[in-house]
Amino acid sequence: MTVEDRVERLLAPIVATAGVDLVEVVHNGGTLRVVIDREGGVDTASLAQVSRLISPILDQHDPVPGRYTLEVSSPGLERPLRQLSHYQMALGEEVVVKMVSGHERRRYRGELAEVDSAHGGGAITVKVKEIDGVDLAEPELQVLAIDEIDKARTVFSWGPSPKPGKGGTKKAGSGGQHKKNKSRGMT
């Protein structure tokens, strides 16, 4: 069992008492990162509360060998999707899904359209617009078994870039600044 698995098994029920979900545990060198979330997101008070809850439990059970720094954080704008509940919270969002090796098509990008818990370990339906880095002419629905997914995460899109010369800056000699200077006798 990995360090991440031991810590996740130990902390998941404790974190749930704070009204949040344990999204991910990452042990990387001298850092143990515990990622939490809930519908609507988490604030700094929730992060501090969970940190205070889990720190003594980690000290008592010592599931991580050696010294480490504990980080409790939110998943951020691009959240990992590991459990059925994570997929359900991401319905309607853009996702990237990487399938386990052996699949002819490995990487899908599109809108998470449906989560179905009836199929064995669960399945998701993605309205796919890109497969293996190639844009599709028309989006297509793909049903993907959760137990065949290697990694999945939400994708944050920044929106269109401002056009050159636009974006709120005024050209010299136009707008209110020129008029203001003129009223002071400046040309």
C-alpha atoms as a PDB file:
ATOM      1  CA  MET A   1       0.000   0.000   0.000  1.00  0.00           C
ATOM      2  CA  THR A   2       1.390   3.418  -0.951  1.00  0.00           C
ATOM      3  CA  VAL A   3       1.817   6.334   1.444  1.00  0.00           C
ATOM      4  CA  GLU A   4      -1.004   8.130  -0.384  1.00  0.00           C
ATOM      5  CA  ASP A   5      -3.349   5.146   0.085  1.00  0.00           C
ATOM      6  CA  ARG A   6      -2.532   4.840   3.810  1.00  0.00           C
ATOM      7  CA  VAL A   7      -3.055   8.555   4.428  1.00  0.00           C
ATOM      8  CA  GLU A   8      -6.253   8.663   2.368  1.00  0.00           C
ATOM      9  CA  ARG A   9      -7.732   5.685   4.227  1.00  0.00           C
ATOM     10  CA  LEU A  10      -6.811   7.249   7.572  1.00  0.00           C
ATOM     11  CA  LEU A  11      -7.990  10.795   6.852  1.00  0.00           C
ATOM     12  CA  ALA A  12     -11.096  10.460   4.640  1.00  0.00           C
ATOM     13  CA  PRO A  13     -13.555   9.886   7.523  1.00  0.00           C
ATOM     14  CA  ILE A  14     -11.963  12.642   9.616  1.00  0.00           C
ATOM     15  CA  VAL A  15     -12.049  15.178   6.792  1.00  0.00           C
ATOM     16  CA  ALA A  16     -15.713  14.322   6.165  1.00  0.00           C
ATOM     17  CA  THR A  17     -16.572  15.511   9.702  1.00  0.00           C
ATOM     18  CA  ALA A  18     -15.592  19.009   8.564  1.00  0.00           C
ATOM     19  CA  GLY A  19     -18.144  18.836   5.736  1.00  0.00           C
ATOM     20  CA  VAL A  20     -15.574  18.498   2.957  1.00  0.00           C
ATOM     21  CA  ASP A  21     -14.385  15.704   0.669  1.00  0.00           C
ATOM     22  CA  LEU A  22     -10.858  14.379   0.486  1.00  0.00           C
ATOM     23  CA  VAL A  23     -10.048  14.801  -3.208  1.00  0.00           C
ATOM     24  CA  GLU A  24      -6.439  13.704  -3.348  1.00  0.00           C
ATOM     25  CA  VAL A  25      -3.368  12.920  -1.274  1.00  0.00           C
ATOM     26  CA  VAL A  26       0.043  13.492  -2.845  1.00  0.00           C
ATOM     27  CA  HIS A  27       3.317  12.562  -1.161  1.00  0.00           C
ATOM     28  CA  ASN A  28       6.204  14.113  -3.046  1.00  0.00           C
ATOM     29  CA  GLY A  29       9.569  14.130  -1.323  1.00  0.00           C
ATOM     30  CA  GLY A  30       9.274  16.152   1.858  1.00  0.00           C
ATOM     31  CA  THR A  31       5.708  17.350   1.215  1.00  0.00           C
ATOM     32  CA  LEU A  32       2.388  15.706   2.004  1.00  0.00           C
ATOM     33  CA  ARG A  33      -0.381  17.554   0.157  1.00  0.00           C
ATOM     34  CA  VAL A  34      -3.976  16.889   1.237  1.00  0.00           C
ATOM     35  CA  VAL A  35      -6.463  18.318  -1.250  1.00  0.00           C
ATOM     36  CA  ILE A  36     -10.028  18.970  -0.067  1.00  0.00           C
ATOM     37  CA  ASP A  37     -13.165  20.319  -1.716  1.00  0.00           C
ATOM     38  CA  ARG A  38     -16.922  20.618  -1.391  1.00  0.00           C
ATOM     39  CA  GLU A  39     -19.696  21.864  -3.604  1.00  0.00           C
ATOM     40  CA  GLY A  40     -19.257  25.611  -3.900  1.00  0.00           C
ATOM     41  CA  GLY A  41     -15.539  25.357  -3.016  1.00  0.00           C
ATOM     42  CA  VAL A  42     -13.571  25.726   0.190  1.00  0.00           C
ATOM     43  CA  ASP A  43     -12.364  28.862   1.931  1.00  0.00           C
ATOM     44  CA  THR A  44      -9.309  29.517   4.081  1.00  0.00           C
ATOM     45  CA  ALA A  45     -11.266  28.830   7.273  1.00  0.00           C
ATOM     46  CA  SER A  46     -12.098  25.322   6.009  1.00  0.00           C
ATOM     47  CA  LEU A  47      -8.478  24.712   5.042  1.00  0.00           C
ATOM     48  CA  ALA A  48      -7.307  25.777   8.518  1.00  0.00           C
ATOM     49  CA  GLN A  49      -9.974  23.666  10.236  1.00  0.00           C
ATOM     50  CA  VAL A  50      -8.999  20.523   8.317  1.00  0.00           C
ATOM     51  CA  SER A  51      -5.313  21.171   8.953  1.00  0.00           C
ATOM     52  CA  ARG A  52      -5.993  21.369  12.714  1.00  0.00           C
ATOM     53  CA  LEU A  53      -8.105  18.191  12.553  1.00  0.00           C
ATOM     54  CA  ILE A  54      -5.659  16.003  10.658  1.00  0.00           C
ATOM     55  CA  SER A  55      -2.302  17.138  12.020  1.00  0.00           C
ATOM     56  CA  PRO A  56      -2.591  15.307  15.383  1.00  0.00           C
ATOM     57  CA  ILE A  57      -3.978  12.200  13.632  1.00  0.00           C
ATOM     58  CA  LEU A  58      -0.971  12.099  11.319  1.00  0.00           C
ATOM     59  CA  ASP A  59       1.374  12.576  14.305  1.00  0.00           C
ATOM     60  CA  GLN A  60      -0.329   9.769  16.226  1.00  0.00           C
ATOM     61  CA  HIS A  61      -0.501   7.181  13.410  1.00  0.00           C
ATOM     62  CA  ASP A  62       2.701   8.235  11.583  1.00  0.00           C
ATOM     63  CA  PRO A  63       1.711   6.907   8.108  1.00  0.00           C
ATOM     64  CA  VAL A  64       4.437   8.915   6.343  1.00  0.00           C
ATOM     65  CA  PRO A  65       8.066   7.840   6.738  1.00  0.00           C
ATOM     66  CA  GLY A  66      10.567  10.561   7.640  1.00  0.00           C
ATOM     67  CA  ARG A  67      10.003  14.279   7.937  1.00  0.00           C
ATOM     68  CA  TYR A  68       7.512  16.121   5.776  1.00  0.00           C
ATOM     69  CA  THR A  69       5.633  19.382   5.452  1.00  0.00           C
ATOM     70  CA  LEU A  70       1.840  19.137   5.544  1.00  0.00           C
ATOM     71  CA  GLU A  71      -0.066  21.212   2.990  1.00  0.00           C
ATOM     72  CA  VAL A  72      -3.852  21.347   3.008  1.00  0.00           C
ATOM     73  CA  SER A  73      -5.216  22.964  -0.131  1.00  0.00           C
ATOM     74  CA  SER A  74      -8.167  23.272  -2.461  1.00  0.00           C
ATOM     75  CA  PRO A  75      -7.969  21.607  -5.868  1.00  0.00           C
ATOM     76  CA  GLY A  76      -7.797  24.949  -7.633  1.00  0.00           C
ATOM     77  CA  LEU A  77      -9.302  25.767 -10.995  1.00  0.00           C
ATOM     78  CA  GLU A  78      -8.368  22.456 -12.605  1.00  0.00           C
ATOM     79  CA  ARG A  79      -9.487  19.722 -10.241  1.00  0.00           C
ATOM     80  CA  PRO A  80      -8.525  16.056 -10.398  1.00  0.00           C
ATOM     81  CA  LEU A  81     -11.455  13.662 -10.764  1.00  0.00           C
ATOM     82  CA  ARG A  82     -10.911  10.362  -8.966  1.00  0.00           C
ATOM     83  CA  GLN A  83     -14.179   9.279  -7.392  1.00  0.00           C
ATOM     84  CA  LEU A  84     -17.743   9.075  -8.643  1.00  0.00           C
ATOM     85  CA  SER A  85     -18.676  12.057  -6.450  1.00  0.00           C
ATOM     86  CA  HIS A  86     -15.910  14.163  -8.062  1.00  0.00           C
ATOM     87  CA  TYR A  87     -17.374  13.458 -11.509  1.00  0.00           C
ATOM     88  CA  GLN A  88     -20.872  14.327 -10.282  1.00  0.00           C
ATOM     89  CA  MET A  89     -19.643  17.696  -8.965  1.00  0.00           C
ATOM     90  CA  ALA A  90     -18.047  18.414 -12.367  1.00  0.00           C
ATOM     91  CA  LEU A  91     -21.169  17.794 -14.497  1.00  0.00           C
ATOM     92  CA  GLY A  92     -21.388  20.359 -17.300  1.00  0.00           C
ATOM     93  CA  GLU A  93     -17.710  21.323 -17.017  1.00  0.00           C
ATOM     94  CA  GLU A  94     -14.970  20.798 -19.570  1.00  0.00           C
ATOM     95  CA  VAL A  95     -12.778  17.799 -18.729  1.00  0.00           C
ATOM     96  CA  VAL A  96      -9.715  15.988 -20.006  1.00  0.00           C
ATOM     97  CA  VAL A  97      -9.779  12.213 -19.594  1.00  0.00           C
ATOM     98  CA  LYS A  98      -6.758   9.959 -20.112  1.00  0.00           C
ATOM     99  CA  MET A  99      -7.549   6.267 -20.439  1.00  0.00           C
ATOM    100  CA  VAL A 100      -5.335   3.445 -19.136  1.00  0.00           C
ATOM    101  CA  SER A 101      -2.832   2.023 -21.619  1.00  0.00           C
ATOM    102  CA  GLY A 102      -4.202  -0.457 -24.123  1.00  0.00           C
ATOM    103  CA  HIS A 103      -6.991   1.797 -25.414  1.00  0.00           C
ATOM    104  CA  GLU A 104      -6.798   2.768 -29.071  1.00  0.00           C
ATOM    105  CA  ARG A 105      -7.986   6.271 -28.173  1.00  0.00           C
ATOM    106  CA  ARG A 106      -6.204   7.462 -25.017  1.00  0.00           C
ATOM    107  CA  ARG A 107      -7.091  11.131 -24.443  1.00  0.00           C
ATOM    108  CA  TYR A 108     -10.500  12.797 -24.622  1.00  0.00           C
ATOM    109  CA  ARG A 109     -11.429  16.455 -24.098  1.00  0.00           C
ATOM    110  CA  GLY A 110     -14.981  17.737 -23.898  1.00  0.00           C
ATOM    111  CA  GLU A 111     -17.963  18.504 -21.691  1.00  0.00           C
ATOM    112  CA  LEU A 112     -18.860  16.048 -18.949  1.00  0.00           C
ATOM    113  CA  ALA A 113     -22.476  15.313 -19.899  1.00  0.00           C
ATOM    114  CA  GLU A 114     -23.518  12.441 -17.612  1.00  0.00           C
ATOM    115  CA  VAL A 115     -22.362  10.317 -14.684  1.00  0.00           C
ATOM    116  CA  ASP A 116     -23.811   6.826 -14.374  1.00  0.00           C
ATOM    117  CA  SER A 117     -23.204   4.768 -11.238  1.00  0.00           C
ATOM    118  CA  ALA A 118     -25.141   1.737 -12.561  1.00  0.00           C
ATOM    119  CA  HIS A 119     -22.262   0.328 -14.641  1.00  0.00           C
ATOM    120  CA  GLY A 120     -19.926  -1.683 -12.369  1.00  0.00           C
ATOM    121  CA  GLY A 121     -17.472   0.965 -11.127  1.00  0.00           C
ATOM    122  CA  GLY A 122     -19.442   3.708 -12.869  1.00  0.00           C
ATOM    123  CA  ALA A 123     -19.248   5.370 -16.259  1.00  0.00           C
ATOM    124  CA  ILE A 124     -19.207   8.892 -17.601  1.00  0.00           C
ATOM    125  CA  THR A 125     -20.520  10.313 -20.847  1.00  0.00           C
ATOM    126  CA  VAL A 126     -18.391  13.031 -22.403  1.00  0.00           C
ATOM    127  CA  LYS A 127     -19.478  15.265 -25.278  1.00  0.00           C
ATOM    128  CA  VAL A 128     -16.073  14.977 -26.924  1.00  0.00           C
ATOM    129  CA  LYS A 129     -14.615  17.743 -29.083  1.00  0.00           C
ATOM    130  CA  GLU A 130     -11.015  16.487 -29.188  1.00  0.00           C
ATOM    131  CA  ILE A 131      -9.520  12.984 -29.229  1.00  0.00           C
ATOM    132  CA  ASP A 132      -5.767  12.414 -28.838  1.00  0.00           C
ATOM    133  CA  GLY A 133      -5.095  16.093 -29.603  1.00  0.00           C
ATOM    134  CA  VAL A 134      -7.174  16.180 -32.809  1.00  0.00           C
ATOM    135  CA  ASP A 135     -10.248  18.437 -32.952  1.00  0.00           C
ATOM    136  CA  LEU A 136     -13.415  16.715 -34.164  1.00  0.00           C
ATOM    137  CA  ALA A 137     -15.551  18.276 -36.908  1.00  0.00           C
ATOM    138  CA  GLU A 138     -18.657  17.584 -34.796  1.00  0.00           C
ATOM    139  CA  PRO A 139     -18.778  16.721 -31.074  1.00  0.00           C
ATOM    140  CA  GLU A 140     -19.580  13.074 -30.339  1.00  0.00           C
ATOM    141  CA  LEU A 141     -20.798  11.358 -27.191  1.00  0.00           C
ATOM    142  CA  GLN A 142     -18.404   8.818 -25.666  1.00  0.00           C
ATOM    143  CA  VAL A 143     -19.237   6.572 -22.724  1.00  0.00           C
ATOM    144  CA  LEU A 144     -16.097   5.849 -20.681  1.00  0.00           C
ATOM    145  CA  ALA A 145     -15.882   3.339 -17.823  1.00  0.00           C
ATOM    146  CA  ILE A 146     -14.425   4.984 -14.721  1.00  0.00           C
ATOM    147  CA  ASP A 147     -12.329   1.921 -13.870  1.00  0.00           C
ATOM    148  CA  GLU A 148     -10.596   2.280 -17.278  1.00  0.00           C
ATOM    149  CA  ILE A 149      -9.651   5.934 -16.680  1.00  0.00           C
ATOM    150  CA  ASP A 150      -6.036   6.566 -15.719  1.00  0.00           C
ATOM    151  CA  LYS A 151      -6.430  10.296 -14.955  1.00  0.00           C
ATOM    152  CA  ALA A 152      -9.144  12.895 -15.345  1.00  0.00           C
ATOM    153  CA  ARG A 153      -9.407  16.567 -14.435  1.00  0.00           C
ATOM    154  CA  THR A 154     -11.517  19.614 -15.086  1.00  0.00           C
ATOM    155  CA  VAL A 155     -10.158  22.222 -17.493  1.00  0.00           C
ATOM    156  CA  PHE A 156     -10.316  25.965 -16.924  1.00  0.00           C
ATOM    157  CA  SER A 157     -10.697  28.063 -20.077  1.00  0.00           C
ATOM    158  CA  TRP A 158      -9.582  31.665 -19.826  1.00  0.00           C
ATOM    159  CA  GLY A 159     -11.729  32.867 -22.713  1.00  0.00           C
ATOM    160  CA  PRO A 160     -10.661  34.801 -25.780  1.00  0.00           C
ATOM    161  CA  SER A 161      -7.554  36.962 -25.742  1.00  0.00           C
ATOM    162  CA  PRO A 162      -8.053  40.673 -26.345  1.00  0.00           C
ATOM    163  CA  LYS A 163      -7.365  41.781 -29.894  1.00  0.00           C
ATOM    164  CA  PRO A 164      -4.182  43.778 -30.478  1.00  0.00           C
ATOM    165  CA  GLY A 165      -4.791  47.473 -29.805  1.00  0.00           C
ATOM    166  CA  LYS A 166      -7.879  46.676 -27.703  1.00  0.00           C
ATOM    167  CA  GLY A 167      -8.194  45.620 -24.090  1.00  0.00           C
ATOM    168  CA  GLY A 168      -8.976  48.886 -22.364  1.00  0.00           C
ATOM    169  CA  THR A 169      -5.915  50.960 -23.255  1.00  0.00           C
ATOM    170  CA  LYS A 170      -6.496  54.249 -25.039  1.00  0.00           C
ATOM    171  CA  LYS A 171      -4.428  55.402 -27.949  1.00  0.00           C
ATOM    172  CA  ALA A 172      -2.387  58.563 -27.474  1.00  0.00           C
ATOM    173  CA  GLY A 173      -4.297  61.686 -28.371  1.00  0.00           C
ATOM    174  CA  SER A 174      -7.761  60.215 -27.808  1.00  0.00           C
ATOM    175  CA  GLY A 175     -10.098  59.972 -24.865  1.00  0.00           C
ATOM    176  CA  GLY A 176     -10.526  61.954 -21.673  1.00  0.00           C
ATOM    177  CA  GLN A 177      -6.838  62.379 -20.773  1.00  0.00           C
ATOM    178  CA  HIS A 178      -6.170  64.685 -23.739  1.00  0.00           C
ATOM    179  CA  LYS A 179      -9.147  66.887 -22.851  1.00  0.00           C
ATOM    180  CA  LYS A 180      -8.018  67.093 -19.231  1.00  0.00           C
ATOM    181  CA  ASN A 181      -4.569  68.273 -20.276  1.00  0.00           C
ATOM    182  CA  LYS A 182      -6.080  70.838 -22.655  1.00  0.00           C
ATOM    183  CA  SER A 183      -8.087  72.388 -19.835  1.00  0.00           C
ATOM    184  CA  ARG A 184      -4.821  73.003 -17.996  1.00  0.00           C
ATOM    185  CA  GLY A 185      -3.394  74.858 -20.980  1.00  0.00           C
ATOM    186  CA  MET A 186      -1.324  71.917 -22.228  1.00  0.00           C
ATOM    187  CA  THR A 187      -1.397  70.806 -25.853  1.00  0.00           C
END
